[in-house]
Amino acid sequence: MKRIAVVYHSAHGHTEHMAFSIREGAQGVPDTEVHVLMAEDLVARPEALADYDGYLFGSPTFFGGVSGSFKSFMDATGGLWRTQRLKGKLAAGFTVSSLPAGDKQSTLMSMFVFCMQHGMLWVGNPILPEQHAGVPYDEAANRLGSWSGLMAQAGHSAPADAFTDGDIKTARMFGRNFSETLHRVSGAN
């Protein structure tokens, strides 16, 4: 059994909605247990991360980076870094902003550097943008064209579940790919 933690911060519910959509895809792989954890809850107990084989990190993009709450979580893992307890584990990232670009790439890069400092192995987003195959833009997987991680867009002040069908489809595919990769890399499949 492989254990995955989806660790996120969500200010308005959008990133949380994506976290649960990612979980849905990841837990669709046999012999996979997926837990959704709020980053702010792990600040006081970051050692809980050591119990997992892989991590899907999520934060909204605020001013071109992770949210303050997610950064506090990252900073709280210093003890794990000193002891290299996360070294060799798989990680990936996802982010949401209200604009199509919104500097989401900077947020994913912040997560990537965090994971590299811990010695983790980064899993990107191999999903080809489906609009190039004729799928309508709002229904297309990876419509925003991100390969370093998952990017999604939720309109400013929109309800937490106000995503395009394509973004939800991408989240499920992203979670499944991560889970399959974890099993493949560990030799479980």
Protein backbone atom coordinates (compact mmCIF):
# COMPACT_ATOMS: atom_id res chain seq x y z
CA MET A 1 0.00 0.00 0.00
CA LYS A 2 1.38 3.40 -1.00
CA ARG A 3 0.40 6.42 1.06
CA ILE A 4 0.02 9.85 -0.53
CA ALA A 5 -0.56 13.15 1.24
CA VAL A 6 -2.29 15.98 -0.63
CA VAL A 7 -1.10 18.97 1.41
CA TYR A 8 -2.73 22.28 0.60
CA HIS A 9 -3.73 25.74 1.76
CA SER A 10 -6.91 27.31 0.41
CA ALA A 11 -8.04 30.83 1.19
CA HIS A 12 -11.39 30.75 -0.63
CA GLY A 13 -12.02 27.04 -1.20
CA HIS A 14 -10.71 26.83 -4.78
CA THR A 15 -7.42 25.09 -3.99
CA GLU A 16 -9.25 22.78 -1.59
CA HIS A 17 -11.68 21.80 -4.35
CA MET A 18 -8.74 20.96 -6.62
CA ALA A 19 -7.07 18.98 -3.79
CA PHE A 20 -10.10 16.71 -3.50
CA SER A 21 -10.33 16.31 -7.30
CA ILE A 22 -6.65 15.31 -7.36
CA ARG A 23 -7.29 12.85 -4.53
CA GLU A 24 -10.09 11.29 -6.55
CA GLY A 25 -7.70 10.56 -9.40
CA ALA A 26 -4.85 9.37 -7.16
CA GLN A 27 -6.94 6.96 -5.12
CA GLY A 28 -8.28 5.36 -8.31
CA VAL A 29 -5.02 3.42 -8.52
CA PRO A 30 -5.14 0.10 -6.62
CA ASP A 31 -3.16 -0.21 -3.40
CA THR A 32 -3.12 3.56 -2.86
CA GLU A 33 -4.28 5.43 0.24
CA VAL A 34 -4.66 9.19 -0.15
CA HIS A 35 -5.03 11.68 2.71
CA VAL A 36 -5.96 15.33 2.19
CA LEU A 37 -4.23 17.53 4.79
CA MET A 38 -4.39 21.26 5.42
CA ALA A 39 -0.91 22.82 5.41
CA GLU A 40 -1.71 25.02 8.40
CA ASP A 41 -2.51 21.90 10.47
CA LEU A 42 0.96 20.49 9.74
CA VAL A 43 2.89 23.54 10.99
CA ALA A 44 2.81 22.19 14.56
CA ARG A 45 3.49 18.59 13.51
CA PRO A 46 5.50 18.49 10.27
CA GLU A 47 7.01 15.12 11.25
CA ALA A 48 3.66 13.57 10.21
CA LEU A 49 4.88 13.95 6.62
CA ALA A 50 7.43 11.18 7.14
CA ASP A 51 4.58 8.63 7.19
CA TYR A 52 3.86 9.14 3.47
CA ASP A 53 5.51 7.89 0.29
CA GLY A 54 4.55 10.88 -1.87
CA TYR A 55 3.21 14.41 -1.68
CA LEU A 56 0.99 16.58 -3.85
CA PHE A 57 1.46 20.16 -2.63
CA GLY A 58 -1.12 22.84 -3.39
CA SER A 59 -1.37 26.56 -2.79
CA PRO A 60 -3.22 29.45 -4.36
CA THR A 61 -0.97 31.87 -6.19
CA PHE A 62 -0.76 35.12 -4.22
CA PHE A 63 1.39 37.91 -5.65
CA GLY A 64 3.41 35.45 -7.72
CA GLY A 65 4.10 32.87 -5.03
CA VAL A 66 2.68 30.48 -2.45
CA SER A 67 0.33 31.85 0.19
CA GLY A 68 1.71 32.92 3.57
CA SER A 69 0.06 29.92 5.22
CA PHE A 70 1.69 27.52 2.79
CA LYS A 71 5.06 29.23 3.25
CA SER A 72 4.70 28.81 7.03
CA PHE A 73 4.15 25.09 6.44
CA MET A 74 7.26 24.92 4.24
CA ASP A 75 9.31 26.75 6.86
CA ALA A 76 8.11 24.37 9.60
CA THR A 77 9.79 21.43 7.83
CA GLY A 78 13.31 22.56 8.73
CA GLY A 79 13.81 19.68 11.15
CA LEU A 80 12.85 17.20 8.45
CA TRP A 81 15.38 18.85 6.14
CA ARG A 82 18.18 18.58 8.71
CA THR A 83 17.54 14.86 9.11
CA GLN A 84 16.72 14.29 5.39
CA ARG A 85 13.55 12.39 6.30
CA LEU A 86 11.83 13.26 3.02
CA LYS A 87 14.80 12.45 0.76
CA GLY A 88 13.93 10.26 -2.21
CA LYS A 89 10.16 10.64 -1.85
CA LEU A 90 8.01 11.75 -4.78
CA ALA A 91 6.41 15.20 -4.91
CA ALA A 92 4.36 17.33 -7.28
CA GLY A 93 2.63 20.70 -7.09
CA PHE A 94 -0.61 22.40 -8.05
CA THR A 95 -1.86 25.95 -7.88
CA VAL A 96 -4.92 28.07 -8.62
CA SER A 97 -5.30 31.74 -9.46
CA SER A 98 -8.09 33.86 -10.87
CA LEU A 99 -6.29 34.68 -14.13
CA PRO A 100 -5.14 32.29 -16.87
CA ALA A 101 -1.47 33.06 -16.16
CA GLY A 102 -1.46 34.90 -12.86
CA ASP A 103 2.24 34.06 -12.34
CA LYS A 104 1.31 30.51 -11.35
CA GLN A 105 4.67 29.29 -12.70
CA SER A 106 6.44 31.16 -9.88
CA THR A 107 4.32 29.32 -7.32
CA LEU A 108 5.16 25.93 -8.81
CA MET A 109 8.85 26.87 -8.94
CA SER A 110 8.76 27.78 -5.25
CA MET A 111 7.32 24.34 -4.47
CA PHE A 112 9.87 22.70 -6.77
CA VAL A 113 12.82 24.38 -5.01
CA PHE A 114 11.35 23.43 -1.62
CA CYS A 115 11.13 19.79 -2.73
CA MET A 116 14.63 19.81 -4.23
CA GLN A 117 16.05 21.15 -0.97
CA HIS A 118 14.45 18.19 0.80
CA GLY A 119 15.93 15.77 -1.76
CA MET A 120 12.54 14.78 -3.14
CA LEU A 121 11.91 13.67 -6.71
CA TRP A 122 9.60 15.96 -8.70
CA VAL A 123 6.82 14.61 -10.91
CA GLY A 124 5.66 17.03 -13.59
CA ASN A 125 2.44 17.15 -15.58
CA PRO A 126 2.68 15.00 -18.75
CA ILE A 127 -0.89 15.70 -19.91
CA LEU A 128 -1.02 17.07 -23.45
CA PRO A 129 -3.35 20.06 -23.97
CA GLU A 130 -6.45 18.55 -25.56
CA GLN A 131 -7.61 21.71 -27.32
CA HIS A 132 -4.96 20.94 -29.96
CA ALA A 133 -6.90 17.76 -30.73
CA GLY A 134 -10.17 19.65 -31.21
CA VAL A 135 -11.58 19.40 -27.68
CA PRO A 136 -13.36 22.68 -26.76
CA TYR A 137 -11.07 24.89 -24.65
CA ASP A 138 -13.12 24.76 -21.43
CA GLU A 139 -13.37 20.96 -21.65
CA ALA A 140 -9.73 20.35 -22.56
CA ALA A 141 -7.30 18.71 -20.16
CA ASN A 142 -4.26 20.89 -19.40
CA ARG A 143 -5.89 23.80 -21.21
CA LEU A 144 -3.46 26.22 -19.50
CA GLY A 145 -0.46 24.29 -20.84
CA SER A 146 1.58 23.60 -17.70
CA TRP A 147 4.15 20.81 -17.60
CA SER A 148 5.92 21.63 -14.33
CA GLY A 149 2.78 20.99 -12.27
CA LEU A 150 -0.97 21.47 -12.37
CA MET A 151 -2.37 24.94 -12.97
CA ALA A 152 -6.05 25.77 -12.68
CA GLN A 153 -8.10 28.93 -12.94
CA ALA A 154 -11.04 30.00 -10.80
CA GLY A 155 -12.71 33.33 -11.41
CA HIS A 156 -12.21 36.03 -8.79
CA SER A 157 -14.93 35.69 -6.10
CA ALA A 158 -16.35 32.62 -7.87
CA PRO A 159 -17.78 29.72 -5.85
CA ALA A 160 -15.21 27.15 -4.69
CA ASP A 161 -16.31 24.61 -7.30
CA ALA A 162 -16.46 27.06 -10.24
CA PHE A 163 -13.86 25.39 -12.45
CA THR A 164 -14.08 24.43 -16.09
CA ASP A 165 -14.70 20.76 -16.82
CA GLY A 166 -11.21 20.68 -18.30
CA ASP A 167 -9.53 21.82 -15.10
CA ILE A 168 -11.37 19.18 -13.04
CA LYS A 169 -10.50 16.51 -15.61
CA THR A 170 -6.86 17.64 -15.48
CA ALA A 171 -6.82 17.42 -11.67
CA ARG A 172 -8.07 13.83 -11.74
CA MET A 173 -5.60 12.86 -14.47
CA PHE A 174 -2.77 14.61 -12.60
CA GLY A 175 -3.56 12.72 -9.38
CA ARG A 176 -3.79 9.41 -11.20
CA ASN A 177 -0.50 10.01 -13.02
CA PHE A 178 1.23 10.84 -9.73
CA SER A 179 -0.11 7.69 -8.07
CA GLU A 180 0.84 5.48 -11.03
CA THR A 181 4.31 7.04 -11.07
CA LEU A 182 4.74 6.39 -7.35
CA HIS A 183 3.86 2.72 -7.81
CA ARG A 184 6.07 2.41 -10.91
CA VAL A 185 9.10 4.05 -9.32
CA SER A 186 8.78 1.95 -6.17
CA GLY A 187 8.41 -1.25 -8.19
CA ALA A 188 4.89 -1.95 -6.90
CA ASN A 189 3.41 -2.28 -10.42
